[in-house]
């Protein structure tokens, strides 16, 4: 099967075309024929891309851990009637991903694809929506009437965080570039702050929750904006392995969750959540997608690799 693999370069991270044997599902696993895979550019610098779970060196990783496709085969302990199911989901960060014609996935890590969405649209959802759900609802326990600041509102996670926060009844503030202000207001943001030309700490304070997707200086400047009982959540990759106790407590990595994927699919089908495709490219242009050199992008949502010509 056709795949793309990480070139294992820290100085010039990129993807190279390759072929690999079609994997066979083991116990509890599904073989997914991938129709579309979401692109998370920072994945090329993440620990699981370059290391095995036990800390050894990993080489030639296949990235792309969210997908939409069809169940092609099942493990020996699973019901073969699952073959042919149209699903979406995500697989383990240490496993080979979906930038390939086929990938393996634990059965509990997928759910039925939202029926209203194409495969390309569905592939934008799992990581972003689950991250927003788990960060805001499971960890921060965001409540109606609370004030939340979402950094990076137009990103793949931010667009879901804004929608879920507004749906929870919170007052939603977000940082973004001015070209996305109208778009984010339509999604549910009550206030938008130009992160390039304004200092967000001069525009807002007394926050119940900060949801950070940026890290670094942005995270550092956000702590003082929280109320004494306020909660910080960060997903910024550089926060992994931090020695700062506050950041360590605030940092989390999204996990697959079938029940949440099912509920997210329902909300998408009912029009209560919306997803957005920034650009669609074939597998042959995966390296360009991961380094962000695709022209004509909208500036919000997610780039998607389309692996099937019919994947709309």
Protein backbone atom coordinates (compact mmCIF):
# COMPACT_ATOMS: atom_id res chain seq x y z
CA UNK A 1 0.00 0.00 0.00
CA UNK A 2 1.05 3.62 -0.51
CA UNK A 3 2.11 5.55 2.59
CA UNK A 4 4.17 8.56 3.61
CA UNK A 5 6.78 8.34 6.34
CA UNK A 6 8.61 10.83 8.50
CA UNK A 7 12.17 11.42 7.30
CA UNK A 8 13.50 11.37 10.90
CA UNK A 9 15.18 14.77 10.47
CA UNK A 10 15.08 17.24 13.37
CA UNK A 11 16.52 20.03 11.22
CA UNK A 12 14.30 19.58 8.15
CA UNK A 13 11.28 17.49 9.14
CA UNK A 14 9.37 16.27 6.10
CA UNK A 15 7.51 13.28 4.73
CA UNK A 16 8.67 10.91 2.02
CA UNK A 17 6.61 8.61 -0.18
CA UNK A 18 6.97 4.90 0.49
CA UNK A 19 5.16 1.59 0.27
CA UNK A 20 4.37 -0.84 3.08
CA UNK A 21 2.58 -4.17 3.48
CA UNK A 22 -1.10 -3.89 4.23
CA UNK A 23 -1.40 -4.42 8.01
CA UNK A 24 -3.47 -7.22 9.52
CA UNK A 25 -5.73 -6.53 12.49
CA UNK A 26 -4.90 -8.26 15.75
CA UNK A 27 -7.24 -8.90 18.67
CA UNK A 28 -9.51 -5.92 19.29
CA UNK A 29 -8.35 -4.10 16.17
CA UNK A 30 -10.04 -2.87 13.03
CA UNK A 31 -8.38 -2.45 9.64
CA UNK A 32 -9.57 0.84 8.19
CA UNK A 33 -9.49 1.63 4.49
CA UNK A 34 -8.65 5.29 4.80
CA UNK A 35 -10.66 7.70 2.67
CA UNK A 36 -9.35 10.88 4.28
CA UNK A 37 -6.89 11.79 7.04
CA UNK A 38 -6.55 15.00 9.01
CA UNK A 39 -3.22 16.84 9.13
CA UNK A 40 -1.73 18.03 12.43
CA UNK A 41 1.53 19.79 11.41
CA UNK A 42 3.08 19.80 14.89
CA UNK A 43 2.92 16.02 14.95
CA UNK A 44 6.28 15.87 13.21
CA UNK A 45 7.98 17.25 16.33
CA UNK A 46 6.01 15.25 18.91
CA UNK A 47 7.65 12.67 21.13
CA UNK A 48 5.63 9.67 19.81
CA UNK A 49 6.75 10.43 16.26
CA UNK A 50 10.39 9.91 17.14
CA UNK A 51 10.16 7.52 20.10
CA UNK A 52 8.54 4.22 20.92
CA UNK A 53 6.29 3.90 23.95
CA UNK A 54 9.17 2.46 26.02
CA UNK A 55 11.46 5.38 25.11
CA UNK A 56 13.44 3.77 22.29
CA UNK A 57 14.16 5.45 18.96
CA UNK A 58 11.35 5.25 16.41
CA UNK A 59 12.08 5.63 12.70
CA UNK A 60 9.91 6.11 9.63
CA UNK A 61 6.70 6.89 11.50
CA UNK A 62 3.51 7.22 9.46
CA UNK A 63 1.70 10.33 10.75
CA UNK A 64 -1.96 11.32 10.69
CA UNK A 65 -3.93 9.93 13.61
CA UNK A 66 -7.46 11.01 12.70
CA UNK A 67 -9.33 9.60 9.76
CA UNK A 68 -12.59 8.76 8.06
CA UNK A 69 -13.03 5.54 6.15
CA UNK A 70 -14.52 2.08 5.96
CA UNK A 71 -13.84 -1.03 8.07
CA UNK A 72 -12.04 -3.45 5.74
CA UNK A 73 -11.29 -6.28 8.19
CA UNK A 74 -11.55 -7.06 11.90
CA UNK A 75 -9.46 -8.86 14.48
CA UNK A 76 -10.15 -12.53 15.21
CA UNK A 77 -12.16 -11.72 18.34
CA UNK A 78 -14.47 -9.13 16.74
CA UNK A 79 -17.79 -9.51 14.93
CA UNK A 80 -17.11 -9.73 11.17
CA UNK A 81 -20.40 -7.95 10.57
CA UNK A 82 -18.50 -4.75 11.35
CA UNK A 83 -16.84 -5.03 7.94
CA UNK A 84 -18.23 -2.30 5.72
CA UNK A 85 -19.05 0.11 8.56
CA UNK A 86 -18.43 3.75 7.64
CA UNK A 87 -16.52 5.20 10.58
CA UNK A 88 -14.37 8.05 11.78
CA UNK A 89 -11.98 8.24 14.70
CA UNK A 90 -8.38 8.36 15.82
CA UNK A 91 -5.70 5.85 16.70
CA UNK A 92 -2.81 5.68 19.15
CA UNK A 93 -0.04 8.27 18.79
CA UNK A 94 2.65 5.57 18.94
CA UNK A 95 0.98 3.52 16.19
CA UNK A 96 1.35 4.10 12.47
CA UNK A 97 -1.21 6.67 11.42
CA UNK A 98 -3.64 7.22 8.60
CA UNK A 99 -1.40 8.88 6.01
CA UNK A 100 -1.67 5.56 4.22
CA UNK A 101 -4.21 3.58 2.26
CA UNK A 102 -4.94 1.45 5.35
CA UNK A 103 -4.39 1.80 9.07
CA UNK A 104 -5.12 -0.19 12.21
CA UNK A 105 -7.24 1.13 15.03
CA UNK A 106 -8.62 -0.26 18.31
CA UNK A 107 -12.35 -0.89 17.90
CA UNK A 108 -13.34 1.49 20.77
CA UNK A 109 -11.50 4.38 19.08
CA UNK A 110 -14.00 4.81 16.23
CA UNK A 111 -17.67 5.68 15.88
CA UNK A 112 -20.12 5.90 13.01
CA UNK A 113 -19.19 8.73 10.66
CA UNK A 114 -21.56 11.71 10.85
CA UNK A 115 -23.99 10.98 8.04
CA UNK A 116 -24.19 14.60 6.86
CA UNK A 117 -20.44 14.91 6.41
CA UNK A 118 -18.22 13.75 3.58
CA UNK A 119 -15.16 11.70 4.46
CA UNK A 120 -12.97 14.77 3.99
CA UNK A 121 -15.13 16.82 6.36
CA UNK A 122 -15.31 14.02 8.92
CA UNK A 123 -11.51 13.69 8.96
CA UNK A 124 -11.22 17.24 10.34
CA UNK A 125 -13.19 16.36 13.46
CA UNK A 126 -11.81 13.67 15.81
CA UNK A 127 -8.69 15.24 17.30
CA UNK A 128 -9.96 18.82 17.37
CA UNK A 129 -13.41 18.05 18.72
CA UNK A 130 -12.22 15.48 21.28
CA UNK A 131 -9.47 17.82 22.49
CA UNK A 132 -11.93 20.66 22.98
CA UNK A 133 -14.46 18.36 24.67
CA UNK A 134 -11.96 16.74 27.03
CA UNK A 135 -10.19 20.01 27.82
CA UNK A 136 -13.21 22.22 28.45
CA UNK A 137 -15.78 19.76 29.77
CA UNK A 138 -13.86 16.87 31.34
CA UNK A 139 -10.88 18.76 32.78
CA UNK A 140 -11.92 22.40 33.23
CA UNK A 141 -15.58 21.52 33.96
CA UNK A 142 -16.69 24.71 32.22
CA UNK A 143 -20.06 25.92 33.51
CA UNK A 144 -22.79 28.17 32.19
CA UNK A 145 -22.09 31.84 32.93
CA UNK A 146 -18.33 31.39 33.28
CA UNK A 147 -15.79 33.41 31.31
CA UNK A 148 -13.36 31.46 29.13
CA UNK A 149 -10.41 32.67 27.03
CA UNK A 150 -9.55 30.42 24.10
CA UNK A 151 -6.15 31.04 22.54
CA UNK A 152 -5.93 30.22 18.83
CA UNK A 153 -9.64 30.36 18.08
CA UNK A 154 -9.36 29.76 14.34
CA UNK A 155 -7.24 26.63 14.66
CA UNK A 156 -8.40 23.05 14.32
CA UNK A 157 -9.02 22.78 18.08
CA UNK A 158 -10.08 26.36 18.69
CA UNK A 159 -13.07 26.26 16.36
CA UNK A 160 -14.55 23.36 18.32
CA UNK A 161 -13.61 24.90 21.67
CA UNK A 162 -15.51 28.07 20.81
CA UNK A 163 -18.59 26.13 19.73
CA UNK A 164 -18.60 23.84 22.76
CA UNK A 165 -17.97 26.71 25.18
CA UNK A 166 -20.81 28.74 23.70
CA UNK A 167 -23.04 25.67 23.79
CA UNK A 168 -22.18 25.26 27.50
CA UNK A 169 -23.44 28.79 28.13
CA UNK A 170 -20.05 30.40 28.79
CA UNK A 171 -18.93 33.90 27.82
CA UNK A 172 -16.37 33.17 25.10
CA UNK A 173 -13.30 35.32 24.43
CA UNK A 174 -10.75 34.28 21.82
CA UNK A 175 -7.48 35.42 20.27
CA UNK A 176 -7.07 35.32 16.51
CA UNK A 177 -6.05 37.36 13.50
CA UNK A 178 -8.51 40.05 12.35
CA UNK A 179 -9.34 38.25 9.11
CA UNK A 180 -11.08 35.57 11.18
CA UNK A 181 -13.02 37.84 13.54
CA UNK A 182 -16.36 37.64 11.70
CA UNK A 183 -16.00 33.89 11.25
CA UNK A 184 -15.31 33.33 14.95
CA UNK A 185 -18.16 35.60 15.99
CA UNK A 186 -20.49 33.48 13.86
CA UNK A 187 -19.17 30.37 15.63
CA UNK A 188 -20.08 31.85 19.00
CA UNK A 189 -17.22 34.05 20.24
CA UNK A 190 -18.51 37.05 22.21
CA UNK A 191 -15.17 38.90 22.11
CA UNK A 192 -12.24 38.62 19.70
CA UNK A 193 -8.72 39.92 20.37
CA UNK A 194 -6.08 40.60 17.73
CA UNK A 195 -3.14 38.58 19.06
CA UNK A 196 -0.67 40.36 16.78
CA UNK A 197 -1.50 43.96 17.64
CA UNK A 198 -3.14 43.80 21.07
CA UNK A 199 -2.03 42.45 24.40
CA UNK A 200 -4.82 40.18 25.49
CA UNK A 201 -4.04 40.77 29.19
CA UNK A 202 -5.00 44.42 28.66
CA UNK A 203 -8.36 43.42 27.23
CA UNK A 204 -9.57 40.80 29.68
CA UNK A 205 -9.12 39.35 33.17
CA UNK A 206 -11.06 37.63 35.96
CA UNK A 207 -11.34 34.49 33.87
CA UNK A 208 -12.74 31.18 35.06
CA UNK A 209 -10.95 29.15 32.37
CA UNK A 210 -8.10 29.65 29.91
CA UNK A 211 -7.87 27.08 27.12
CA UNK A 212 -4.42 27.42 25.57
CA UNK A 213 -3.44 25.94 22.21
CA UNK A 214 -0.34 28.13 21.72
CA UNK A 215 1.98 27.72 24.72
CA UNK A 216 5.21 29.61 25.35
CA UNK A 217 4.85 33.29 26.13
CA UNK A 218 1.10 33.17 25.50
CA UNK A 219 0.68 30.58 28.24
CA UNK A 220 3.02 32.42 30.59
CA UNK A 221 1.08 35.67 30.18
CA UNK A 222 -2.25 33.97 30.83
CA UNK A 223 -1.84 32.72 34.40
CA UNK A 224 -2.44 36.09 36.02
CA UNK A 225 -5.76 36.49 34.19
CA UNK A 226 -7.37 33.64 36.10
CA UNK A 227 -9.57 34.11 39.14
CA UNK A 228 -8.16 32.50 42.31
CA UNK A 229 -10.23 29.39 41.59
CA UNK A 230 -9.70 29.62 37.81
CA UNK A 231 -8.56 26.65 35.71
CA UNK A 232 -5.85 26.51 33.06
CA UNK A 233 -5.82 23.90 30.30
CA UNK A 234 -3.02 23.71 27.74
CA UNK A 235 -2.37 21.37 24.83
CA UNK A 236 0.80 23.13 23.59
CA UNK A 237 3.37 20.50 22.62
CA UNK A 238 6.26 22.28 24.35
CA UNK A 239 4.45 21.86 27.67
CA UNK A 240 4.96 18.09 27.57
CA UNK A 241 7.61 17.06 30.04
CA UNK A 242 7.71 20.50 31.68
CA UNK A 243 9.20 20.83 35.15
CA UNK A 244 6.81 23.66 36.05
CA UNK A 245 4.19 22.14 38.34
CA UNK A 246 1.39 24.48 37.25
CA UNK A 247 1.94 23.74 33.58
CA UNK A 248 2.34 20.04 34.24
CA UNK A 249 -1.06 20.01 35.94
CA UNK A 250 -2.66 22.02 33.13
CA UNK A 251 -1.24 20.00 30.23
CA UNK A 252 -3.05 17.05 28.69
CA UNK A 253 -3.01 14.93 25.54
CA UNK A 254 -6.28 13.97 23.89
CA UNK A 255 -7.36 10.34 23.97
CA UNK A 256 -9.75 8.39 21.72
CA UNK A 257 -13.23 8.11 23.21
CA UNK A 258 -16.01 6.30 21.37
CA UNK A 259 -18.92 7.67 23.39
CA UNK A 260 -17.72 11.23 22.89
CA UNK A 261 -17.18 10.64 19.17
CA UNK A 262 -20.74 9.33 18.92
CA UNK A 263 -22.14 12.39 20.69
CA UNK A 264 -20.02 14.73 18.55
CA UNK A 265 -21.33 12.99 15.41
CA UNK A 266 -24.89 13.54 16.63
CA UNK A 267 -24.24 17.24 17.21
CA UNK A 268 -22.69 17.57 13.75
CA UNK A 269 -25.62 15.78 12.10
CA UNK A 270 -28.09 18.01 13.93
CA UNK A 271 -26.22 21.17 12.96
CA UNK A 272 -25.27 22.08 16.54
CA UNK A 273 -21.57 21.79 15.66
CA UNK A 274 -19.84 22.72 12.42
CA UNK A 275 -16.51 21.59 10.98
CA UNK A 276 -14.28 23.30 8.44
CA UNK A 277 -11.82 22.11 5.80
CA UNK A 278 -8.93 24.51 5.26
CA UNK A 279 -7.65 22.67 2.17
CA UNK A 280 -7.76 19.20 0.60
CA UNK A 281 -4.71 17.62 -1.04
CA UNK A 282 -3.77 14.12 -2.24
CA UNK A 283 -1.40 11.85 -0.34
CA UNK A 284 1.38 12.78 -2.76
CA UNK A 285 1.34 16.33 -1.33
CA UNK A 286 1.43 15.27 2.32
CA UNK A 287 4.81 16.83 3.00
CA UNK A 288 3.60 20.21 1.72
CA UNK A 289 0.51 19.89 3.92
CA UNK A 290 2.53 19.17 7.05
CA UNK A 291 4.89 22.11 6.55
CA UNK A 292 2.01 24.46 5.69
CA UNK A 293 2.98 25.33 2.12
CA UNK A 294 -0.41 24.64 0.50
CA UNK A 295 -1.62 27.75 -1.38
CA UNK A 296 -5.17 29.05 -1.30
CA UNK A 297 -5.94 28.08 2.29
CA UNK A 298 -8.91 29.65 4.05
CA UNK A 299 -6.98 30.26 7.28
CA UNK A 300 -9.26 28.27 9.56
CA UNK A 301 -10.07 24.62 10.02
CA UNK A 302 -7.83 21.74 9.02
CA UNK A 303 -5.92 20.49 5.98
CA UNK A 304 -7.03 17.03 4.90
CA UNK A 305 -5.32 14.32 2.86
CA UNK A 306 -7.77 12.68 0.48
CA UNK A 307 -6.80 9.09 -0.29
CA UNK A 308 -9.79 8.02 -2.34
CA UNK A 309 -10.75 9.88 -5.50
CA UNK A 310 -14.40 9.67 -4.48
CA UNK A 311 -13.73 11.01 -0.95
CA UNK A 312 -15.70 14.21 -1.23
